[in-house]
Amino acid sequence: MRRPLDEILSSQDRMLERLGKEVPPAPRESVKAAFEQHLRQVRSWLSLQPNIAVLYVDYPAVLEDAHREASAVCSFLELKLDVDSMARKVEQSLHREKVRS
């Protein structure tokens, strides 16, 4: 699942606040850069693994058209699953940390 990193970082900060924990004072851009570098390394490693197939699913695409993305998952897995049921499980209300354009 690929989600905009700004949303992930904001979501992590809100989670820490809800748990009553201190949000680390690290500069947002340095944390984001570290995440991006790590993700590049993981994607690179995965691309070199002949025994691992990967389907990247974009979080915003799931929110936009859950049925289409669930169908893509079924196709990738080569399974006949209940796409309608899968799509209904997407909770739009849980998308609280939206990237502001």
PDB file of N, CA and C in Angstrom:
ATOM      1  N   MET A   1       0.859  -1.166   0.000  1.00  0.00           N
ATOM      2  CA  MET A   1       0.000   0.000   0.000  1.00  0.00           C
ATOM      3  C   MET A   1       0.900   1.220   0.000  1.00  0.00           C
ATOM      4  N   ARG A   2       0.723   2.059  -0.991  1.00  0.00           N
ATOM      5  CA  ARG A   2       1.492   3.307  -1.050  1.00  0.00           C
ATOM      6  C   ARG A   2       0.579   4.458  -0.649  1.00  0.00           C
ATOM      7  N   ARG A   3       1.047   5.208   0.310  1.00  0.00           N
ATOM      8  CA  ARG A   3       0.296   6.355   0.807  1.00  0.00           C
ATOM      9  C   ARG A   3       1.238   7.539   0.836  1.00  0.00           C
ATOM     10  N   PRO A   4       0.740   8.739   0.555  1.00  0.00           N
ATOM     11  CA  PRO A   4       1.612   9.915   0.620  1.00  0.00           C
ATOM     12  C   PRO A   4       2.301  10.001   1.989  1.00  0.00           C
ATOM     13  N   LEU A   5       3.618  10.178   1.955  1.00  0.00           N
ATOM     14  CA  LEU A   5       4.394  10.188   3.195  1.00  0.00           C
ATOM     15  C   LEU A   5       3.978  11.301   4.151  1.00  0.00           C
ATOM     16  N   ASP A   6       3.569  12.430   3.614  1.00  0.00           N
ATOM     17  CA  ASP A   6       3.117  13.509   4.500  1.00  0.00           C
ATOM     18  C   ASP A   6       1.923  13.054   5.337  1.00  0.00           C
ATOM     19  N   GLU A   7       1.045  12.279   4.718  1.00  0.00           N
ATOM     20  CA  GLU A   7      -0.113  11.749   5.455  1.00  0.00           C
ATOM     21  C   GLU A   7       0.326  10.748   6.516  1.00  0.00           C
ATOM     22  N   ILE A   8       1.274   9.907   6.172  1.00  0.00           N
ATOM     23  CA  ILE A   8       1.767   8.909   7.125  1.00  0.00           C
ATOM     24  C   ILE A   8       2.391   9.601   8.334  1.00  0.00           C
ATOM     25  N   LEU A   9       3.237  10.580   8.074  1.00  0.00           N
ATOM     26  CA  LEU A   9       3.911  11.285   9.172  1.00  0.00           C
ATOM     27  C   LEU A   9       2.910  12.030  10.053  1.00  0.00           C
ATOM     28  N   SER A  10       1.948  12.681   9.435  1.00  0.00           N
ATOM     29  CA  SER A  10       0.916  13.379  10.219  1.00  0.00           C
ATOM     30  C   SER A  10       0.103  12.388  11.045  1.00  0.00           C
ATOM     31  N   SER A  11      -0.227  11.255  10.439  1.00  0.00           N
ATOM     32  CA  SER A  11      -0.995  10.237  11.133  1.00  0.00           C
ATOM     33  C   SER A  11      -0.216   9.689  12.335  1.00  0.00           C
ATOM     34  N   GLN A  12       1.072   9.459  12.155  1.00  0.00           N
ATOM     35  CA  GLN A  12       1.899   8.982  13.270  1.00  0.00           C
ATOM     36  C   GLN A  12       1.961  10.010  14.394  1.00  0.00           C
ATOM     37  N   ASP A  13       2.097  11.279  14.035  1.00  0.00           N
ATOM     38  CA  ASP A  13       2.125  12.340  15.056  1.00  0.00           C
ATOM     39  C   ASP A  13       0.816  12.369  15.837  1.00  0.00           C
ATOM     40  N   ARG A  14      -0.332  12.295  15.121  1.00  0.00           N
ATOM     41  CA  ARG A  14      -1.642  12.327  15.797  1.00  0.00           C
ATOM     42  C   ARG A  14      -1.810  11.106  16.693  1.00  0.00           C
ATOM     43  N   MET A  15      -1.329   9.945  16.247  1.00  0.00           N
ATOM     44  CA  MET A  15      -1.435   8.731  17.050  1.00  0.00           C
ATOM     45  C   MET A  15      -0.649   8.901  18.359  1.00  0.00           C
ATOM     46  N   LEU A  16       0.564   9.417  18.259  1.00  0.00           N
ATOM     47  CA  LEU A  16       1.362   9.643  19.463  1.00  0.00           C
ATOM     48  C   LEU A  16       0.654  10.613  20.407  1.00  0.00           C
ATOM     49  N   GLU A  17       0.085  11.682  19.851  1.00  0.00           N
ATOM     50  CA  GLU A  17      -0.630  12.658  20.676  1.00  0.00           C
ATOM     51  C   GLU A  17      -1.824  12.015  21.372  1.00  0.00           C
ATOM     52  N   ARG A  18      -2.596  11.179  20.637  1.00  0.00           N
ATOM     53  CA  ARG A  18      -3.754  10.516  21.235  1.00  0.00           C
ATOM     54  C   ARG A  18      -3.331   9.569  22.359  1.00  0.00           C
ATOM     55  N   LEU A  19      -2.130   8.997  22.235  1.00  0.00           N
ATOM     56  CA  LEU A  19      -1.607   8.090  23.265  1.00  0.00           C
ATOM     57  C   LEU A  19      -0.942   8.849  24.415  1.00  0.00           C
ATOM     58  N   GLY A  20      -0.919  10.181  24.312  1.00  0.00           N
ATOM     59  CA  GLY A  20      -0.315  10.996  25.356  1.00  0.00           C
ATOM     60  C   GLY A  20       1.200  10.970  25.332  1.00  0.00           C
ATOM     61  N   LYS A  21       1.767  10.630  24.196  1.00  0.00           N
ATOM     62  CA  LYS A  21       3.222  10.575  24.070  1.00  0.00           C
ATOM     63  C   LYS A  21       3.724  11.798  23.316  1.00  0.00           C
ATOM     64  N   GLU A  22       4.980  12.114  23.566  1.00  0.00           N
ATOM     65  CA  GLU A  22       5.592  13.280  22.920  1.00  0.00           C
ATOM     66  C   GLU A  22       5.931  12.966  21.466  1.00  0.00           C
ATOM     67  N   VAL A  23       5.632  13.906  20.592  1.00  0.00           N
ATOM     68  CA  VAL A  23       6.011  13.779  19.187  1.00  0.00           C
ATOM     69  C   VAL A  23       7.486  14.154  19.081  1.00  0.00           C
ATOM     70  N   PRO A  24       8.308  13.265  18.531  1.00  0.00           N
ATOM     71  CA  PRO A  24       9.745  13.569  18.431  1.00  0.00           C
ATOM     72  C   PRO A  24       9.990  14.887  17.701  1.00  0.00           C
ATOM     73  N   PRO A  25      10.986  15.651  18.163  1.00  0.00           N
ATOM     74  CA  PRO A  25      11.239  16.966  17.578  1.00  0.00           C
ATOM     75  C   PRO A  25      12.037  16.936  16.269  1.00  0.00           C
ATOM     76  N   ALA A  26      12.263  15.766  15.691  1.00  0.00           N
ATOM     77  CA  ALA A  26      13.049  15.676  14.448  1.00  0.00           C
ATOM     78  C   ALA A  26      12.379  16.495  13.345  1.00  0.00           C
ATOM     79  N   PRO A  27      13.171  17.200  12.555  1.00  0.00           N
ATOM     80  CA  PRO A  27      12.605  17.975  11.449  1.00  0.00           C
ATOM     81  C   PRO A  27      11.849  17.068  10.476  1.00  0.00           C
ATOM     82  N   ARG A  28      10.647  17.475  10.125  1.00  0.00           N
ATOM     83  CA  ARG A  28       9.766  16.673   9.265  1.00  0.00           C
ATOM     84  C   ARG A  28      10.460  16.266   7.975  1.00  0.00           C
ATOM     85  N   GLU A  29      11.166  17.193   7.331  1.00  0.00           N
ATOM     86  CA  GLU A  29      11.786  16.891   6.035  1.00  0.00           C
ATOM     87  C   GLU A  29      12.882  15.836   6.143  1.00  0.00           C
ATOM     88  N   SER A  30      13.624  15.818   7.251  1.00  0.00           N
ATOM     89  CA  SER A  30      14.667  14.802   7.389  1.00  0.00           C
ATOM     90  C   SER A  30      14.050  13.426   7.640  1.00  0.00           C
ATOM     91  N   VAL A  31      12.966  13.382   8.397  1.00  0.00           N
ATOM     92  CA  VAL A  31      12.259  12.115   8.628  1.00  0.00           C
ATOM     93  C   VAL A  31      11.671  11.607   7.313  1.00  0.00           C
ATOM     94  N   LYS A  32      11.063  12.505   6.569  1.00  0.00           N
ATOM     95  CA  LYS A  32      10.473  12.136   5.277  1.00  0.00           C
ATOM     96  C   LYS A  32      11.547  11.632   4.312  1.00  0.00           C
ATOM     97  N   ALA A  33      12.678  12.303   4.275  1.00  0.00           N
ATOM     98  CA  ALA A  33      13.772  11.879   3.386  1.00  0.00           C
ATOM     99  C   ALA A  33      14.279  10.491   3.768  1.00  0.00           C
ATOM    100  N   ALA A  34      14.368  10.207   5.068  1.00  0.00           N
ATOM    101  CA  ALA A  34      14.822   8.885   5.520  1.00  0.00           C
ATOM    102  C   ALA A  34      13.830   7.811   5.101  1.00  0.00           C
ATOM    103  N   PHE A  35      12.542   8.091   5.253  1.00  0.00           N
ATOM    104  CA  PHE A  35      11.511   7.150   4.809  1.00  0.00           C
ATOM    105  C   PHE A  35      11.609   6.913   3.305  1.00  0.00           C
ATOM    106  N   GLU A  36      11.735   7.990   2.547  1.00  0.00           N
ATOM    107  CA  GLU A  36      11.811   7.863   1.082  1.00  0.00           C
ATOM    108  C   GLU A  36      13.002   7.020   0.662  1.00  0.00           C
ATOM    109  N   GLN A  37      14.149   7.243   1.311  1.00  0.00           N
ATOM    110  CA  GLN A  37      15.344   6.469   0.980  1.00  0.00           C
ATOM    111  C   GLN A  37      15.115   4.993   1.302  1.00  0.00           C
ATOM    112  N   HIS A  38      14.536   4.728   2.442  1.00  0.00           N
ATOM    113  CA  HIS A  38      14.278   3.342   2.822  1.00  0.00           C
ATOM    114  C   HIS A  38      13.319   2.670   1.829  1.00  0.00           C
ATOM    115  N   LEU A  39      12.267   3.371   1.453  1.00  0.00           N
ATOM    116  CA  LEU A  39      11.303   2.813   0.497  1.00  0.00           C
ATOM    117  C   LEU A  39      11.952   2.542  -0.860  1.00  0.00           C
ATOM    118  N   ARG A  40      12.843   3.435  -1.285  1.00  0.00           N
ATOM    119  CA  ARG A  40      13.566   3.196  -2.547  1.00  0.00           C
ATOM    120  C   ARG A  40      14.412   1.931  -2.445  1.00  0.00           C
ATOM    121  N   GLN A  41      15.077   1.759  -1.312  1.00  0.00           N
ATOM    122  CA  GLN A  41      15.899   0.567  -1.109  1.00  0.00           C
ATOM    123  C   GLN A  41      15.049  -0.707  -1.126  1.00  0.00           C
ATOM    124  N   VAL A  42      13.909  -0.670  -0.464  1.00  0.00           N
ATOM    125  CA  VAL A  42      13.030  -1.844  -0.416  1.00  0.00           C
ATOM    126  C   VAL A  42      12.491  -2.162  -1.808  1.00  0.00           C
ATOM    127  N   ARG A  43      12.027  -1.128  -2.525  1.00  0.00           N
ATOM    128  CA  ARG A  43      11.508  -1.358  -3.886  1.00  0.00           C
ATOM    129  C   ARG A  43      12.595  -1.908  -4.800  1.00  0.00           C
ATOM    130  N   SER A  44      13.801  -1.401  -4.668  1.00  0.00           N
ATOM    131  CA  SER A  44      14.915  -1.886  -5.472  1.00  0.00           C
ATOM    132  C   SER A  44      15.197  -3.348  -5.158  1.00  0.00           C
ATOM    133  N   TRP A  45      15.281  -3.663  -3.884  1.00  0.00           N
ATOM    134  CA  TRP A  45      15.531  -5.032  -3.469  1.00  0.00           C
ATOM    135  C   TRP A  45      14.433  -5.964  -3.998  1.00  0.00           C
ATOM    136  N   LEU A  46      13.179  -5.549  -3.835  1.00  0.00           N
ATOM    137  CA  LEU A  46      12.061  -6.368  -4.310  1.00  0.00           C
ATOM    138  C   LEU A  46      12.129  -6.605  -5.815  1.00  0.00           C
ATOM    139  N   SER A  47      12.531  -5.589  -6.550  1.00  0.00           N
ATOM    140  CA  SER A  47      12.588  -5.726  -8.014  1.00  0.00           C
ATOM    141  C   SER A  47      13.634  -6.745  -8.456  1.00  0.00           C
ATOM    142  N   LEU A  48      14.583  -7.039  -7.590  1.00  0.00           N
ATOM    143  CA  LEU A  48      15.646  -7.995  -7.913  1.00  0.00           C
ATOM    144  C   LEU A  48      15.323  -9.417  -7.447  1.00  0.00           C
ATOM    145  N   GLN A  49      14.184  -9.594  -6.818  1.00  0.00           N
ATOM    146  CA  GLN A  49      13.818 -10.906  -6.291  1.00  0.00           C
ATOM    147  C   GLN A  49      12.926 -11.642  -7.294  1.00  0.00           C
ATOM    148  N   PRO A  50      13.472 -12.641  -7.986  1.00  0.00           N
ATOM    149  CA  PRO A  50      12.675 -13.342  -8.987  1.00  0.00           C
ATOM    150  C   PRO A  50      11.534 -14.167  -8.381  1.00  0.00           C
ATOM    151  N   ASN A  51      11.609 -14.454  -7.103  1.00  0.00           N
ATOM    152  CA  ASN A  51      10.598 -15.279  -6.448  1.00  0.00           C
ATOM    153  C   ASN A  51       9.523 -14.472  -5.720  1.00  0.00           C
ATOM    154  N   ILE A  52       9.559 -13.156  -5.860  1.00  0.00           N
ATOM    155  CA  ILE A  52       8.588 -12.297  -5.171  1.00  0.00           C
ATOM    156  C   ILE A  52       7.882 -11.409  -6.188  1.00  0.00           C
ATOM    157  N   ALA A  53       6.564 -11.542  -6.225  1.00  0.00           N
ATOM    158  CA  ALA A  53       5.752 -10.657  -7.062  1.00  0.00           C
ATOM    159  C   ALA A  53       5.136  -9.591  -6.151  1.00  0.00           C
ATOM    160  N   VAL A  54       5.088  -8.373  -6.635  1.00  0.00           N
ATOM    161  CA  VAL A  54       4.593  -7.263  -5.816  1.00  0.00           C
ATOM    162  C   VAL A  54       3.517  -6.499  -6.588  1.00  0.00           C
ATOM    163  N   LEU A  55       2.462  -6.187  -5.890  1.00  0.00           N
ATOM    164  CA  LEU A  55       1.443  -5.292  -6.430  1.00  0.00           C
ATOM    165  C   LEU A  55       1.439  -4.054  -5.551  1.00  0.00           C
ATOM    166  N   TYR A  56       1.759  -2.918  -6.124  1.00  0.00           N
ATOM    167  CA  TYR A  56       1.710  -1.662  -5.392  1.00  0.00           C
ATOM    168  C   TYR A  56       0.307  -1.079  -5.550  1.00  0.00           C
ATOM    169  N   VAL A  57      -0.332  -0.825  -4.429  1.00  0.00           N
ATOM    170  CA  VAL A  57      -1.688  -0.282  -4.418  1.00  0.00           C
ATOM    171  C   VAL A  57      -1.617   1.105  -3.810  1.00  0.00           C
ATOM    172  N   ASP A  58      -2.117   2.088  -4.530  1.00  0.00           N
ATOM    173  CA  ASP A  58      -2.087   3.468  -4.049  1.00  0.00           C
ATOM    174  C   ASP A  58      -3.287   3.743  -3.156  1.00  0.00           C
ATOM    175  N   TYR A  59      -3.013   4.193  -1.950  1.00  0.00           N
ATOM    176  CA  TYR A  59      -4.054   4.500  -0.971  1.00  0.00           C
ATOM    177  C   TYR A  59      -5.107   5.473  -1.531  1.00  0.00           C
ATOM    178  N   PRO A  60      -4.684   6.583  -2.160  1.00  0.00           N
ATOM    179  CA  PRO A  60      -5.691   7.487  -2.717  1.00  0.00           C
ATOM    180  C   PRO A  60      -6.562   6.812  -3.794  1.00  0.00           C
ATOM    181  N   ALA A  61      -5.986   5.907  -4.562  1.00  0.00           N
ATOM    182  CA  ALA A  61      -6.760   5.203  -5.592  1.00  0.00           C
ATOM    183  C   ALA A  61      -7.807   4.297  -4.956  1.00  0.00           C
ATOM    184  N   VAL A  62      -7.468   3.678  -3.834  1.00  0.00           N
ATOM    185  CA  VAL A  62      -8.433   2.835  -3.127  1.00  0.00           C
ATOM    186  C   VAL A  62      -9.597   3.692  -2.638  1.00  0.00           C
ATOM    187  N   LEU A  63      -9.295   4.859  -2.101  1.00  0.00           N
ATOM    188  CA  LEU A  63     -10.357   5.747  -1.629  1.00  0.00           C
ATOM    189  C   LEU A  63     -11.213   6.260  -2.777  1.00  0.00           C
ATOM    190  N   GLU A  64     -10.580   6.470  -3.918  1.00  0.00           N
ATOM    191  CA  GLU A  64     -11.304   6.986  -5.091  1.00  0.00           C
ATOM    192  C   GLU A  64     -12.193   5.924  -5.726  1.00  0.00           C
ATOM    193  N   ASP A  65     -11.680   4.707  -5.867  1.00  0.00           N
ATOM    194  CA  ASP A  65     -12.444   3.641  -6.525  1.00  0.00           C
ATOM    195  C   ASP A  65     -12.037   2.292  -5.933  1.00  0.00           C
ATOM    196  N   ALA A  66     -12.611   1.982  -4.783  1.00  0.00           N
ATOM    197  CA  ALA A  66     -12.252   0.762  -4.055  1.00  0.00           C
ATOM    198  C   ALA A  66     -12.554  -0.486  -4.876  1.00  0.00           C
ATOM    199  N   HIS A  67     -13.622  -0.461  -5.623  1.00  0.00           N
ATOM    200  CA  HIS A  67     -13.998  -1.626  -6.435  1.00  0.00           C
ATOM    201  C   HIS A  67     -12.927  -1.918  -7.486  1.00  0.00           C
ATOM    202  N   ARG A  68     -12.470  -0.903  -8.165  1.00  0.00           N
ATOM    203  CA  ARG A  68     -11.430  -1.083  -9.187  1.00  0.00           C
ATOM    204  C   ARG A  68     -10.157  -1.647  -8.573  1.00  0.00           C
ATOM    205  N   GLU A  69      -9.755  -1.104  -7.418  1.00  0.00           N
ATOM    206  CA  GLU A  69      -8.519  -1.554  -6.779  1.00  0.00           C
ATOM    207  C   GLU A  69      -8.662  -2.970  -6.218  1.00  0.00           C
ATOM    208  N   ALA A  70      -9.832  -3.300  -5.694  1.00  0.00           N
ATOM    209  CA  ALA A  70     -10.063  -4.668  -5.217  1.00  0.00           C
ATOM    210  C   ALA A  70     -10.002  -5.647  -6.382  1.00  0.00           C
ATOM    211  N   SER A  71     -10.517  -5.252  -7.525  1.00  0.00           N
ATOM    212  CA  SER A  71     -10.438  -6.093  -8.722  1.00  0.00           C
ATOM    213  C   SER A  71      -8.983  -6.316  -9.129  1.00  0.00           C
ATOM    214  N   ALA A  72      -8.183  -5.279  -9.024  1.00  0.00           N
ATOM    215  CA  ALA A  72      -6.764  -5.403  -9.363  1.00  0.00           C
ATOM    216  C   ALA A  72      -6.061  -6.381  -8.421  1.00  0.00           C
ATOM    217  N   VAL A  73      -6.425  -6.352  -7.140  1.00  0.00           N
ATOM    218  CA  VAL A  73      -5.842  -7.279  -6.169  1.00  0.00           C
ATOM    219  C   VAL A  73      -6.226  -8.719  -6.537  1.00  0.00           C
ATOM    220  N   CYS A  74      -7.482  -8.919  -6.861  1.00  0.00           N
ATOM    221  CA  CYS A  74      -7.941 -10.260  -7.251  1.00  0.00           C
ATOM    222  C   CYS A  74      -7.196 -10.750  -8.490  1.00  0.00           C
ATOM    223  N   SER A  75      -7.039  -9.882  -9.461  1.00  0.00           N
ATOM    224  CA  SER A  75      -6.311 -10.261 -10.677  1.00  0.00           C
ATOM    225  C   SER A  75      -4.870 -10.613 -10.349  1.00  0.00           C
ATOM    226  N   PHE A  76      -4.245  -9.813  -9.532  1.00  0.00           N
ATOM    227  CA  PHE A  76      -2.858 -10.059  -9.151  1.00  0.00           C
ATOM    228  C   PHE A  76      -2.714 -11.414  -8.452  1.00  0.00           C
ATOM    229  N   LEU A  77      -3.640 -11.694  -7.543  1.00  0.00           N
ATOM    230  CA  LEU A  77      -3.588 -12.943  -6.793  1.00  0.00           C
ATOM    231  C   LEU A  77      -4.078 -14.143  -7.600  1.00  0.00           C
ATOM    232  N   GLU A  78      -4.692 -13.842  -8.729  1.00  0.00           N
ATOM    233  CA  GLU A  78      -5.284 -14.882  -9.576  1.00  0.00           C
ATOM    234  C   GLU A  78      -6.295 -15.710  -8.787  1.00  0.00           C
ATOM    235  N   LEU A  79      -7.129 -14.982  -8.020  1.00  0.00           N
ATOM    236  CA  LEU A  79      -8.166 -15.610  -7.212  1.00  0.00           C
ATOM    237  C   LEU A  79      -9.513 -14.976  -7.520  1.00  0.00           C
ATOM    238  N   LYS A  80     -10.545 -15.760  -7.384  1.00  0.00           N
ATOM    239  CA  LYS A  80     -11.901 -15.240  -7.537  1.00  0.00           C
ATOM    240  C   LYS A  80     -12.415 -14.936  -6.128  1.00  0.00           C
ATOM    241  N   LEU A  81     -12.350 -13.672  -5.771  1.00  0.00           N
ATOM    242  CA  LEU A  81     -12.775 -13.223  -4.454  1.00  0.00           C
ATOM    243  C   LEU A  81     -13.992 -12.322  -4.591  1.00  0.00           C
ATOM    244  N   ASP A  82     -14.634 -12.021  -3.489  1.00  0.00           N
ATOM    245  CA  ASP A  82     -15.819 -11.167  -3.483  1.00  0.00           C
ATOM    246  C   ASP A  82     -15.378  -9.695  -3.523  1.00  0.00           C
ATOM    247  N   VAL A  83     -15.241  -9.180  -4.733  1.00  0.00           N
ATOM    248  CA  VAL A  83     -14.750  -7.821  -4.934  1.00  0.00           C
ATOM    249  C   VAL A  83     -15.679  -6.799  -4.285  1.00  0.00           C
ATOM    250  N   ASP A  84     -16.992  -7.009  -4.388  1.00  0.00           N
ATOM    251  CA  ASP A  84     -17.934  -6.063  -3.778  1.00  0.00           C
ATOM    252  C   ASP A  84     -17.743  -5.994  -2.267  1.00  0.00           C
ATOM    253  N   SER A  85     -17.583  -7.144  -1.636  1.00  0.00           N
ATOM    254  CA  SER A  85     -17.361  -7.177  -0.190  1.00  0.00           C
ATOM    255  C   SER A  85     -16.035  -6.514   0.169  1.00  0.00           C
ATOM    256  N   MET A  86     -15.015  -6.781  -0.621  1.00  0.00           N
ATOM    257  CA  MET A  86     -13.715  -6.151  -0.373  1.00  0.00           C
ATOM    258  C   MET A  86     -13.841  -4.637  -0.442  1.00  0.00           C
ATOM    259  N   ALA A  87     -14.503  -4.141  -1.460  1.00  0.00           N
ATOM    260  CA  ALA A  87     -14.637  -2.696  -1.658  1.00  0.00           C
ATOM    261  C   ALA A  87     -15.437  -2.048  -0.529  1.00  0.00           C
ATOM    262  N   ARG A  88     -16.427  -2.767  -0.014  1.00  0.00           N
ATOM    263  CA  ARG A  88     -17.243  -2.212   1.081  1.00  0.00           C
ATOM    264  C   ARG A  88     -16.459  -2.058   2.373  1.00  0.00           C
ATOM    265  N   LYS A  89     -15.338  -2.733   2.508  1.00  0.00           N
ATOM    266  CA  LYS A  89     -14.539  -2.657   3.736  1.00  0.00           C
ATOM    267  C   LYS A  89     -13.706  -1.380   3.831  1.00  0.00           C
ATOM    268  N   VAL A  90     -13.628  -0.634   2.756  1.00  0.00           N
ATOM    269  CA  VAL A  90     -12.867   0.617   2.758  1.00  0.00           C
ATOM    270  C   VAL A  90     -13.639   1.645   3.580  1.00  0.00           C
ATOM    271  N   GLU A  91     -12.993   2.149   4.621  1.00  0.00           N
ATOM    272  CA  GLU A  91     -13.611   3.126   5.525  1.00  0.00           C
ATOM    273  C   GLU A  91     -13.103   4.525   5.196  1.00  0.00           C
ATOM    274  N   GLN A  92     -13.869   5.272   4.424  1.00  0.00           N
ATOM    275  CA  GLN A  92     -13.487   6.638   4.059  1.00  0.00           C
ATOM    276  C   GLN A  92     -13.246   7.506   5.301  1.00  0.00           C
ATOM    277  N   SER A  93     -13.994   7.260   6.368  1.00  0.00           N
ATOM    278  CA  SER A  93     -13.883   8.097   7.572  1.00  0.00           C
ATOM    279  C   SER A  93     -12.529   7.954   8.265  1.00  0.00           C
ATOM    280  N   LEU A  94     -11.788   6.886   7.963  1.00  0.00           N
ATOM    281  CA  LEU A  94     -10.487   6.699   8.592  1.00  0.00           C
ATOM    282  C   LEU A  94      -9.388   7.507   7.907  1.00  0.00           C
ATOM    283  N   HIS A  95      -9.715   8.132   6.800  1.00  0.00           N
ATOM    284  CA  HIS A  95      -8.732   8.963   6.085  1.00  0.00           C
ATOM    285  C   HIS A  95      -8.794  10.370   6.660  1.00  0.00           C
ATOM    286  N   ARG A  96      -8.152  10.528   7.819  1.00  0.00           N
ATOM    287  CA  ARG A  96      -8.220  11.806   8.539  1.00  0.00           C
ATOM    288  C   ARG A  96      -7.078  12.740   8.210  1.00  0.00           C
ATOM    289  N   GLU A  97      -5.942  12.202   7.873  1.00  0.00           N
ATOM    290  CA  GLU A  97      -4.751  13.029   7.617  1.00  0.00           C
ATOM    291  C   GLU A  97      -4.559  13.170   6.106  1.00  0.00           C
ATOM    292  N   LYS A  98      -5.272  14.107   5.525  1.00  0.00           N
ATOM    293  CA  LYS A  98      -5.220  14.308   4.085  1.00  0.00           C
ATOM    294  C   LYS A  98      -4.123  15.289   3.712  1.00  0.00           C
ATOM    295  N   VAL A  99      -3.450  15.015   2.601  1.00  0.00           N
ATOM    296  CA  VAL A  99      -2.438  15.936   2.094  1.00  0.00           C
ATOM    297  C   VAL A  99      -3.158  17.176   1.597  1.00  0.00           C
ATOM    298  N   ARG A 100      -2.698  18.301   2.051  1.00  0.00           N
ATOM    299  CA  ARG A 100      -3.277  19.588   1.611  1.00  0.00           C
ATOM    300  C   ARG A 100      -2.525  20.072   0.386  1.00  0.00           C
ATOM    301  N   SER A 101      -3.254  20.380  -0.676  1.00  0.00           N
ATOM    302  CA  SER A 101      -2.602  20.870  -1.898  1.00  0.00           C
ATOM    303  C   SER A 101      -2.592  22.377  -1.929  1.00  0.00           C
TER     304      SER A 101
END
